């Protein structure tokens, strides 16, 4: 797949560590892991729409409260 564009985002140190660990386990680059996760999330959103987004936000809120 030809890469045609870039995005830049800021993430927490903990998230970067988690993604880096996953990349090492899967023997892939950090960029590949991020793209795989983003593609999966975009597909899930396309299938479920706002329901998907609300589930993700609810999970995020629960994690922040813990």
C-alpha atoms as a PDB file:
ATOM      1  CA  UNK A   1       0.000   0.000   0.000  1.00  0.00           C
ATOM      2  CA  UNK A   2       1.418   3.352  -0.999  1.00  0.00           C
ATOM      3  CA  UNK A   3       1.523   5.935   1.762  1.00  0.00           C
ATOM      4  CA  UNK A   4       0.399   9.308   0.502  1.00  0.00           C
ATOM      5  CA  UNK A   5      -0.195  11.473   3.540  1.00  0.00           C
ATOM      6  CA  UNK A   6       0.812  11.999   7.156  1.00  0.00           C
ATOM      7  CA  UNK A   7      -0.899  12.967  10.367  1.00  0.00           C
ATOM      8  CA  UNK A   8       0.684  14.049  13.596  1.00  0.00           C
ATOM      9  CA  UNK A   9      -0.846  13.565  17.011  1.00  0.00           C
ATOM     10  CA  UNK A  10       0.280  13.990  20.601  1.00  0.00           C
ATOM     11  CA  UNK A  11      -0.298  11.073  22.965  1.00  0.00           C
ATOM     12  CA  UNK A  12       0.420  10.383  26.607  1.00  0.00           C
ATOM     13  CA  UNK A  13       3.703   8.762  27.553  1.00  0.00           C
ATOM     14  CA  UNK A  14       1.795   5.703  28.808  1.00  0.00           C
ATOM     15  CA  UNK A  15      -0.050   5.249  25.516  1.00  0.00           C
ATOM     16  CA  UNK A  16       3.169   5.511  23.536  1.00  0.00           C
ATOM     17  CA  UNK A  17       4.800   2.917  25.801  1.00  0.00           C
ATOM     18  CA  UNK A  18       1.850   0.561  25.316  1.00  0.00           C
ATOM     19  CA  UNK A  19       1.889   0.974  21.551  1.00  0.00           C
ATOM     20  CA  UNK A  20       5.662   0.515  21.433  1.00  0.00           C
ATOM     21  CA  UNK A  21       5.384  -2.712  23.447  1.00  0.00           C
ATOM     22  CA  UNK A  22       2.710  -4.016  21.089  1.00  0.00           C
ATOM     23  CA  UNK A  23       4.896  -3.138  18.106  1.00  0.00           C
ATOM     24  CA  UNK A  24       7.810  -5.101  19.590  1.00  0.00           C
ATOM     25  CA  UNK A  25       5.632  -8.122  20.384  1.00  0.00           C
ATOM     26  CA  UNK A  26       4.145  -8.104  16.875  1.00  0.00           C
ATOM     27  CA  UNK A  27       7.507  -7.376  15.219  1.00  0.00           C
ATOM     28  CA  UNK A  28       6.087  -4.295  13.495  1.00  0.00           C
ATOM     29  CA  UNK A  29       6.874  -0.605  13.505  1.00  0.00           C
ATOM     30  CA  UNK A  30       5.052   1.825  15.757  1.00  0.00           C
ATOM     31  CA  UNK A  31       3.594   3.482  12.635  1.00  0.00           C
ATOM     32  CA  UNK A  32       2.225   0.139  11.390  1.00  0.00           C
ATOM     33  CA  UNK A  33       0.578  -0.587  14.741  1.00  0.00           C
ATOM     34  CA  UNK A  34      -1.008   2.863  14.864  1.00  0.00           C
ATOM     35  CA  UNK A  35      -2.302   2.529  11.312  1.00  0.00           C
ATOM     36  CA  UNK A  36      -3.757  -0.932  11.994  1.00  0.00           C
ATOM     37  CA  UNK A  37      -5.557   0.329  15.103  1.00  0.00           C
ATOM     38  CA  UNK A  38      -6.811   3.459  13.358  1.00  0.00           C
ATOM     39  CA  UNK A  39      -8.092   1.437  10.393  1.00  0.00           C
ATOM     40  CA  UNK A  40      -9.914  -0.957  12.712  1.00  0.00           C
ATOM     41  CA  UNK A  41     -11.502   1.897  14.661  1.00  0.00           C
ATOM     42  CA  UNK A  42     -12.534   3.683  11.471  1.00  0.00           C
ATOM     43  CA  UNK A  43     -14.144   0.482  10.160  1.00  0.00           C
ATOM     44  CA  UNK A  44     -15.970  -0.092  13.457  1.00  0.00           C
ATOM     45  CA  UNK A  45     -17.210   3.489  13.398  1.00  0.00           C
ATOM     46  CA  UNK A  46     -18.358   3.085   9.794  1.00  0.00           C
ATOM     47  CA  UNK A  47     -20.339  -0.015  10.799  1.00  0.00           C
ATOM     48  CA  UNK A  48     -21.815   1.257  14.096  1.00  0.00           C
ATOM     49  CA  UNK A  49     -21.609   5.031  13.782  1.00  0.00           C
ATOM     50  CA  UNK A  50     -22.141   7.098  16.900  1.00  0.00           C
ATOM     51  CA  UNK A  51     -22.910   3.972  18.964  1.00  0.00           C
ATOM     52  CA  UNK A  52     -19.294   2.882  18.546  1.00  0.00           C
ATOM     53  CA  UNK A  53     -17.981   6.295  19.538  1.00  0.00           C
ATOM     54  CA  UNK A  54     -20.231   6.452  22.613  1.00  0.00           C
ATOM     55  CA  UNK A  55     -19.002   2.996  23.752  1.00  0.00           C
ATOM     56  CA  UNK A  56     -15.385   4.130  23.432  1.00  0.00           C
ATOM     57  CA  UNK A  57     -16.045   7.357  25.324  1.00  0.00           C
ATOM     58  CA  UNK A  58     -17.885   5.508  28.103  1.00  0.00           C
ATOM     59  CA  UNK A  59     -14.952   3.088  28.501  1.00  0.00           C
ATOM     60  CA  UNK A  60     -12.522   6.000  28.570  1.00  0.00           C
ATOM     61  CA  UNK A  61     -14.545   7.776  31.256  1.00  0.00           C
ATOM     62  CA  UNK A  62     -14.646   4.619  33.408  1.00  0.00           C
ATOM     63  CA  UNK A  63     -10.868   4.248  33.137  1.00  0.00           C
ATOM     64  CA  UNK A  64     -10.340   7.867  34.189  1.00  0.00           C
ATOM     65  CA  UNK A  65     -12.557   7.371  37.242  1.00  0.00           C
ATOM     66  CA  UNK A  66     -10.585   4.327  38.439  1.00  0.00           C
END
